[in-house]
Amino acid sequence: MIVDYLGEQYIVELKIWPGNEYQERGQKQLIEYLDYYYKDQGYLLSFNFNKNKEQGVRELQIDGKTIIEAVV
């Protein structure tokens, strides 16, 4: 999803979290979008329905890109 706000574009990837493998795929997919749009930072919002989930927000550095990841 691309959010246009006050003249800026923000790249946001939304995923339902079924496991670590899909999380890594979502990160890779987001990096591809960031490359395509010439952006250095993007956002990954993961919906995790596991009762023992680790909620929160963290910042990742992958392939020279910054990913702000939130798990809810």
PDB file of N, CA and C in Angstrom:
ATOM      1  N   MET A   1       0.852  -1.144   0.000  1.00  0.00           N
ATOM      2  CA  MET A   1       0.000   0.000   0.000  1.00  0.00           C
ATOM      3  C   MET A   1       0.913   1.226   0.000  1.00  0.00           C
ATOM      4  N   ILE A   2       0.544   2.227  -0.782  1.00  0.00           N
ATOM      5  CA  ILE A   2       1.269   3.485  -0.806  1.00  0.00           C
ATOM      6  C   ILE A   2       0.363   4.552  -0.204  1.00  0.00           C
ATOM      7  N   VAL A   3       0.861   5.215   0.812  1.00  0.00           N
ATOM      8  CA  VAL A   3       0.119   6.280   1.468  1.00  0.00           C
ATOM      9  C   VAL A   3       0.733   7.604   1.027  1.00  0.00           C
ATOM     10  N   ASP A   4      -0.054   8.445   0.366  1.00  0.00           N
ATOM     11  CA  ASP A   4       0.375   9.790  -0.005  1.00  0.00           C
ATOM     12  C   ASP A   4      -0.140  10.746   1.058  1.00  0.00           C
ATOM     13  N   TYR A   5       0.792  11.425   1.733  1.00  0.00           N
ATOM     14  CA  TYR A   5       0.408  12.329   2.814  1.00  0.00           C
ATOM     15  C   TYR A   5       1.311  13.550   2.792  1.00  0.00           C
ATOM     16  N   LEU A   6       0.708  14.704   2.623  1.00  0.00           N
ATOM     17  CA  LEU A   6       1.419  15.978   2.606  1.00  0.00           C
ATOM     18  C   LEU A   6       2.601  15.967   1.635  1.00  0.00           C
ATOM     19  N   GLY A   7       2.376  15.409   0.461  1.00  0.00           N
ATOM     20  CA  GLY A   7       3.390  15.413  -0.580  1.00  0.00           C
ATOM     21  C   GLY A   7       4.452  14.328  -0.456  1.00  0.00           C
ATOM     22  N   GLU A   8       4.355  13.483   0.537  1.00  0.00           N
ATOM     23  CA  GLU A   8       5.297  12.386   0.727  1.00  0.00           C
ATOM     24  C   GLU A   8       4.600  11.055   0.459  1.00  0.00           C
ATOM     25  N   GLN A   9       5.377  10.082   0.002  1.00  0.00           N
ATOM     26  CA  GLN A   9       4.854   8.730  -0.193  1.00  0.00           C
ATOM     27  C   GLN A   9       5.459   7.808   0.859  1.00  0.00           C
ATOM     28  N   TYR A  10       4.607   7.020   1.497  1.00  0.00           N
ATOM     29  CA  TYR A  10       5.023   6.048   2.495  1.00  0.00           C
ATOM     30  C   TYR A  10       4.620   4.670   1.996  1.00  0.00           C
ATOM     31  N   ILE A  11       5.565   3.745   1.984  1.00  0.00           N
ATOM     32  CA  ILE A  11       5.318   2.392   1.505  1.00  0.00           C
ATOM     33  C   ILE A  11       5.019   1.516   2.722  1.00  0.00           C
ATOM     34  N   VAL A  12       3.844   0.881   2.712  1.00  0.00           N
ATOM     35  CA  VAL A  12       3.395   0.058   3.837  1.00  0.00           C
ATOM     36  C   VAL A  12       3.007  -1.319   3.303  1.00  0.00           C
ATOM     37  N   GLU A  13       3.560  -2.354   3.904  1.00  0.00           N
ATOM     38  CA  GLU A  13       3.207  -3.730   3.562  1.00  0.00           C
ATOM     39  C   GLU A  13       2.378  -4.289   4.707  1.00  0.00           C
ATOM     40  N   LEU A  14       1.209  -4.841   4.403  1.00  0.00           N
ATOM     41  CA  LEU A  14       0.315  -5.436   5.397  1.00  0.00           C
ATOM     42  C   LEU A  14       0.334  -6.947   5.226  1.00  0.00           C
ATOM     43  N   LYS A  15       0.547  -7.681   6.319  1.00  0.00           N
ATOM     44  CA  LYS A  15       0.612  -9.140   6.240  1.00  0.00           C
ATOM     45  C   LYS A  15      -0.119  -9.761   7.421  1.00  0.00           C
ATOM     46  N   ILE A  16      -0.727 -10.900   7.168  1.00  0.00           N
ATOM     47  CA  ILE A  16      -1.216 -11.756   8.248  1.00  0.00           C
ATOM     48  C   ILE A  16      -0.077 -12.711   8.553  1.00  0.00           C
ATOM     49  N   TRP A  17       0.290 -12.811   9.811  1.00  0.00           N
ATOM     50  CA  TRP A  17       1.479 -13.537  10.228  1.00  0.00           C
ATOM     51  C   TRP A  17       1.172 -15.006  10.486  1.00  0.00           C
ATOM     52  N   PRO A  18       1.496 -15.906   9.529  1.00  0.00           N
ATOM     53  CA  PRO A  18       1.306 -17.333   9.794  1.00  0.00           C
ATOM     54  C   PRO A  18       2.595 -18.020  10.253  1.00  0.00           C
ATOM     55  N   GLY A  19       3.723 -17.302  10.242  1.00  0.00           N
ATOM     56  CA  GLY A  19       4.984 -17.900  10.675  1.00  0.00           C
ATOM     57  C   GLY A  19       6.176 -17.063  10.223  1.00  0.00           C
ATOM     58  N   ASN A  20       7.353 -17.427  10.731  1.00  0.00           N
ATOM     59  CA  ASN A  20       8.563 -16.656  10.436  1.00  0.00           C
ATOM     60  C   ASN A  20       8.900 -16.608   8.954  1.00  0.00           C
ATOM     61  N   GLU A  21       8.658 -17.691   8.236  1.00  0.00           N
ATOM     62  CA  GLU A  21       8.972 -17.728   6.805  1.00  0.00           C
ATOM     63  C   GLU A  21       8.196 -16.648   6.050  1.00  0.00           C
ATOM     64  N   TYR A  22       6.935 -16.479   6.374  1.00  0.00           N
ATOM     65  CA  TYR A  22       6.114 -15.464   5.708  1.00  0.00           C
ATOM     66  C   TYR A  22       6.534 -14.053   6.118  1.00  0.00           C
ATOM     67  N   GLN A  23       7.009 -13.922   7.349  1.00  0.00           N
ATOM     68  CA  GLN A  23       7.500 -12.617   7.806  1.00  0.00           C
ATOM     69  C   GLN A  23       8.713 -12.206   6.971  1.00  0.00           C
ATOM     70  N   GLU A  24       9.620 -13.138   6.735  1.00  0.00           N
ATOM     71  CA  GLU A  24      10.810 -12.856   5.926  1.00  0.00           C
ATOM     72  C   GLU A  24      10.418 -12.537   4.483  1.00  0.00           C
ATOM     73  N   ARG A  25       9.441 -13.236   3.959  1.00  0.00           N
ATOM     74  CA  ARG A  25       8.952 -12.937   2.609  1.00  0.00           C
ATOM     75  C   ARG A  25       8.365 -11.529   2.537  1.00  0.00           C
ATOM     76  N   GLY A  26       7.624 -11.137   3.575  1.00  0.00           N
ATOM     77  CA  GLY A  26       7.046  -9.797   3.620  1.00  0.00           C
ATOM     78  C   GLY A  26       8.123  -8.731   3.657  1.00  0.00           C
ATOM     79  N   GLN A  27       9.198  -8.976   4.424  1.00  0.00           N
ATOM     80  CA  GLN A  27      10.310  -8.034   4.474  1.00  0.00           C
ATOM     81  C   GLN A  27      10.979  -7.906   3.110  1.00  0.00           C
ATOM     82  N   LYS A  28      11.197  -9.036   2.458  1.00  0.00           N
ATOM     83  CA  LYS A  28      11.820  -9.029   1.130  1.00  0.00           C
ATOM     84  C   LYS A  28      10.936  -8.292   0.123  1.00  0.00           C
ATOM     85  N   GLN A  29       9.653  -8.555   0.173  1.00  0.00           N
ATOM     86  CA  GLN A  29       8.713  -7.902  -0.735  1.00  0.00           C
ATOM     87  C   GLN A  29       8.714  -6.386  -0.510  1.00  0.00           C
ATOM     88  N   LEU A  30       8.742  -5.973   0.739  1.00  0.00           N
ATOM     89  CA  LEU A  30       8.778  -4.546   1.060  1.00  0.00           C
ATOM     90  C   LEU A  30      10.059  -3.907   0.532  1.00  0.00           C
ATOM     91  N   ILE A  31      11.190  -4.576   0.679  1.00  0.00           N
ATOM     92  CA  ILE A  31      12.452  -4.048   0.160  1.00  0.00           C
ATOM     93  C   ILE A  31      12.385  -3.879  -1.349  1.00  0.00           C
ATOM     94  N   GLU A  32      11.767  -4.814  -2.042  1.00  0.00           N
ATOM     95  CA  GLU A  32      11.603  -4.691  -3.495  1.00  0.00           C
ATOM     96  C   GLU A  32      10.769  -3.458  -3.849  1.00  0.00           C
ATOM     97  N   TYR A  33       9.703  -3.216  -3.103  1.00  0.00           N
ATOM     98  CA  TYR A  33       8.879  -2.025  -3.331  1.00  0.00           C
ATOM     99  C   TYR A  33       9.680  -0.756  -3.064  1.00  0.00           C
ATOM    100  N   LEU A  34      10.464  -0.760  -1.984  1.00  0.00           N
ATOM    101  CA  LEU A  34      11.277   0.413  -1.660  1.00  0.00           C
ATOM    102  C   LEU A  34      12.282   0.699  -2.767  1.00  0.00           C
ATOM    103  N   ASP A  35      12.900  -0.339  -3.294  1.00  0.00           N
ATOM    104  CA  ASP A  35      13.826  -0.163  -4.422  1.00  0.00           C
ATOM    105  C   ASP A  35      13.104   0.436  -5.619  1.00  0.00           C
ATOM    106  N   TYR A  36      11.929  -0.087  -5.918  1.00  0.00           N
ATOM    107  CA  TYR A  36      11.165   0.373  -7.082  1.00  0.00           C
ATOM    108  C   TYR A  36      10.800   1.852  -6.964  1.00  0.00           C
ATOM    109  N   TYR A  37      10.443   2.287  -5.755  1.00  0.00           N
ATOM    110  CA  TYR A  37      10.017   3.673  -5.542  1.00  0.00           C
ATOM    111  C   TYR A  37      11.154   4.578  -5.038  1.00  0.00           C
ATOM    112  N   TYR A  38      12.384   4.055  -5.026  1.00  0.00           N
ATOM    113  CA  TYR A  38      13.564   4.829  -4.602  1.00  0.00           C
ATOM    114  C   TYR A  38      13.408   5.394  -3.196  1.00  0.00           C
ATOM    115  N   LYS A  39      12.967   4.545  -2.285  1.00  0.00           N
ATOM    116  CA  LYS A  39      12.788   4.933  -0.889  1.00  0.00           C
ATOM    117  C   LYS A  39      13.758   4.136  -0.013  1.00  0.00           C
ATOM    118  N   ASP A  40      14.148   4.709   1.110  1.00  0.00           N
ATOM    119  CA  ASP A  40      15.062   4.045   2.035  1.00  0.00           C
ATOM    120  C   ASP A  40      14.361   3.505   3.274  1.00  0.00           C
ATOM    121  N   GLN A  41      13.098   3.892   3.467  1.00  0.00           N
ATOM    122  CA  GLN A  41      12.377   3.460   4.660  1.00  0.00           C
ATOM    123  C   GLN A  41      10.960   3.036   4.298  1.00  0.00           C
ATOM    124  N   GLY A  42      10.519   1.936   4.920  1.00  0.00           N
ATOM    125  CA  GLY A  42       9.162   1.449   4.713  1.00  0.00           C
ATOM    126  C   GLY A  42       8.612   0.868   5.994  1.00  0.00           C
ATOM    127  N   TYR A  43       7.366   0.466   5.943  1.00  0.00           N
ATOM    128  CA  TYR A  43       6.649   0.007   7.127  1.00  0.00           C
ATOM    129  C   TYR A  43       6.011  -1.352   6.855  1.00  0.00           C
ATOM    130  N   LEU A  44       6.136  -2.251   7.831  1.00  0.00           N
ATOM    131  CA  LEU A  44       5.553  -3.583   7.729  1.00  0.00           C
ATOM    132  C   LEU A  44       4.625  -3.764   8.921  1.00  0.00           C
ATOM    133  N   LEU A  45       3.339  -3.943   8.638  1.00  0.00           N
ATOM    134  CA  LEU A  45       2.336  -4.154   9.680  1.00  0.00           C
ATOM    135  C   LEU A  45       1.876  -5.600   9.598  1.00  0.00           C
ATOM    136  N   SER A  46       2.200  -6.378  10.635  1.00  0.00           N
ATOM    137  CA  SER A  46       1.868  -7.802  10.673  1.00  0.00           C
ATOM    138  C   SER A  46       0.755  -8.047  11.680  1.00  0.00           C
ATOM    139  N   PHE A  47      -0.282  -8.709  11.230  1.00  0.00           N
ATOM    140  CA  PHE A  47      -1.399  -9.094  12.090  1.00  0.00           C
ATOM    141  C   PHE A  47      -1.158 -10.528  12.537  1.00  0.00           C
ATOM    142  N   ASN A  48      -0.913 -10.722  13.829  1.00  0.00           N
ATOM    143  CA  ASN A  48      -0.587 -12.032  14.372  1.00  0.00           C
ATOM    144  C   ASN A  48      -1.706 -12.447  15.320  1.00  0.00           C
ATOM    145  N   PHE A  49      -2.382 -13.540  15.002  1.00  0.00           N
ATOM    146  CA  PHE A  49      -3.501 -14.010  15.809  1.00  0.00           C
ATOM    147  C   PHE A  49      -3.097 -15.114  16.783  1.00  0.00           C
ATOM    148  N   ASN A  50      -1.789 -15.369  16.907  1.00  0.00           N
ATOM    149  CA  ASN A  50      -1.261 -16.347  17.835  1.00  0.00           C
ATOM    150  C   ASN A  50      -1.403 -15.802  19.265  1.00  0.00           C
ATOM    151  N   LYS A  51      -1.903 -16.613  20.185  1.00  0.00           N
ATOM    152  CA  LYS A  51      -2.100 -16.157  21.567  1.00  0.00           C
ATOM    153  C   LYS A  51      -0.783 -15.818  22.265  1.00  0.00           C
ATOM    154  N   ASN A  52       0.308 -16.429  21.856  1.00  0.00           N
ATOM    155  CA  ASN A  52       1.613 -16.209  22.483  1.00  0.00           C
ATOM    156  C   ASN A  52       2.493 -15.259  21.669  1.00  0.00           C
ATOM    157  N   LYS A  53       1.879 -14.374  20.924  1.00  0.00           N
ATOM    158  CA  LYS A  53       2.630 -13.491  20.038  1.00  0.00           C
ATOM    159  C   LYS A  53       3.448 -12.465  20.814  1.00  0.00           C
ATOM    160  N   GLU A  54       4.469 -11.978  20.140  1.00  0.00           N
ATOM    161  CA  GLU A  54       5.295 -10.901  20.663  1.00  0.00           C
ATOM    162  C   GLU A  54       4.860  -9.623  19.972  1.00  0.00           C
ATOM    163  N   GLN A  55       4.084  -8.796  20.648  1.00  0.00           N
ATOM    164  CA  GLN A  55       3.600  -7.549  20.071  1.00  0.00           C
ATOM    165  C   GLN A  55       4.655  -6.465  20.213  1.00  0.00           C
ATOM    166  N   GLY A  56       4.546  -5.474  19.360  1.00  0.00           N
ATOM    167  CA  GLY A  56       5.426  -4.331  19.514  1.00  0.00           C
ATOM    168  C   GLY A  56       5.915  -3.786  18.188  1.00  0.00           C
ATOM    169  N   VAL A  57       6.784  -2.802  18.299  1.00  0.00           N
ATOM    170  CA  VAL A  57       7.350  -2.130  17.137  1.00  0.00           C
ATOM    171  C   VAL A  57       8.861  -2.239  17.233  1.00  0.00           C
ATOM    172  N   ARG A  58       9.495  -2.543  16.109  1.00  0.00           N
ATOM    173  CA  ARG A  58      10.949  -2.600  16.069  1.00  0.00           C
ATOM    174  C   ARG A  58      11.452  -2.050  14.746  1.00  0.00           C
ATOM    175  N   GLU A  59      12.690  -1.627  14.766  1.00  0.00           N
ATOM    176  CA  GLU A  59      13.310  -1.084  13.561  1.00  0.00           C
ATOM    177  C   GLU A  59      14.356  -2.074  13.074  1.00  0.00           C
ATOM    178  N   LEU A  60      14.282  -2.409  11.785  1.00  0.00           N
ATOM    179  CA  LEU A  60      15.212  -3.353  11.178  1.00  0.00           C
ATOM    180  C   LEU A  60      16.027  -2.658  10.092  1.00  0.00           C
ATOM    181  N   GLN A  61      17.272  -3.080   9.937  1.00  0.00           N
ATOM    182  CA  GLN A  61      18.121  -2.625   8.845  1.00  0.00           C
ATOM    183  C   GLN A  61      18.381  -3.846   7.968  1.00  0.00           C
ATOM    184  N   ILE A  62      17.859  -3.821   6.735  1.00  0.00           N
ATOM    185  CA  ILE A  62      18.027  -4.937   5.810  1.00  0.00           C
ATOM    186  C   ILE A  62      18.410  -4.371   4.454  1.00  0.00           C
ATOM    187  N   ASP A  63      19.526  -4.834   3.918  1.00  0.00           N
ATOM    188  CA  ASP A  63      19.993  -4.413   2.593  1.00  0.00           C
ATOM    189  C   ASP A  63      20.049  -2.894   2.447  1.00  0.00           C
ATOM    190  N   GLY A  64      20.486  -2.209   3.493  1.00  0.00           N
ATOM    191  CA  GLY A  64      20.603  -0.759   3.444  1.00  0.00           C
ATOM    192  C   GLY A  64      19.285  -0.011   3.551  1.00  0.00           C
ATOM    193  N   LYS A  65      18.209  -0.718   3.842  1.00  0.00           N
ATOM    194  CA  LYS A  65      16.880  -0.119   3.997  1.00  0.00           C
ATOM    195  C   LYS A  65      16.451  -0.207   5.448  1.00  0.00           C
ATOM    196  N   THR A  66      15.651   0.739   5.878  1.00  0.00           N
ATOM    197  CA  THR A  66      15.090   0.734   7.221  1.00  0.00           C
ATOM    198  C   THR A  66      13.644   0.289   7.145  1.00  0.00           C
ATOM    199  N   ILE A  67      13.316  -0.731   7.905  1.00  0.00           N
ATOM    200  CA  ILE A  67      11.945  -1.225   7.982  1.00  0.00           C
ATOM    201  C   ILE A  67      11.459  -1.040   9.408  1.00  0.00           C
ATOM    202  N   ILE A  68      10.352  -0.318   9.542  1.00  0.00           N
ATOM    203  CA  ILE A  68       9.687  -0.180  10.834  1.00  0.00           C
ATOM    204  C   ILE A  68       8.594  -1.245  10.849  1.00  0.00           C
ATOM    205  N   GLU A  69       8.755  -2.221  11.712  1.00  0.00           N
ATOM    206  CA  GLU A  69       7.835  -3.356  11.747  1.00  0.00           C
ATOM    207  C   GLU A  69       7.001  -3.316  13.014  1.00  0.00           C
ATOM    208  N   ALA A  70       5.692  -3.405  12.843  1.00  0.00           N
ATOM    209  CA  ALA A  70       4.771  -3.456  13.974  1.00  0.00           C
ATOM    210  C   ALA A  70       3.998  -4.761  13.912  1.00  0.00           C
ATOM    211  N   VAL A  71       3.951  -5.443  15.046  1.00  0.00           N
ATOM    212  CA  VAL A  71       3.192  -6.699  15.151  1.00  0.00           C
ATOM    213  C   VAL A  71       2.037  -6.448  16.115  1.00  0.00           C
ATOM    214  N   VAL A  72       0.837  -6.680  15.620  1.00  0.00           N
ATOM    215  CA  VAL A  72      -0.372  -6.497  16.432  1.00  0.00           C
ATOM    216  C   VAL A  72      -1.188  -7.777  16.443  1.00  0.00           C
TER     217      VAL A  72
END
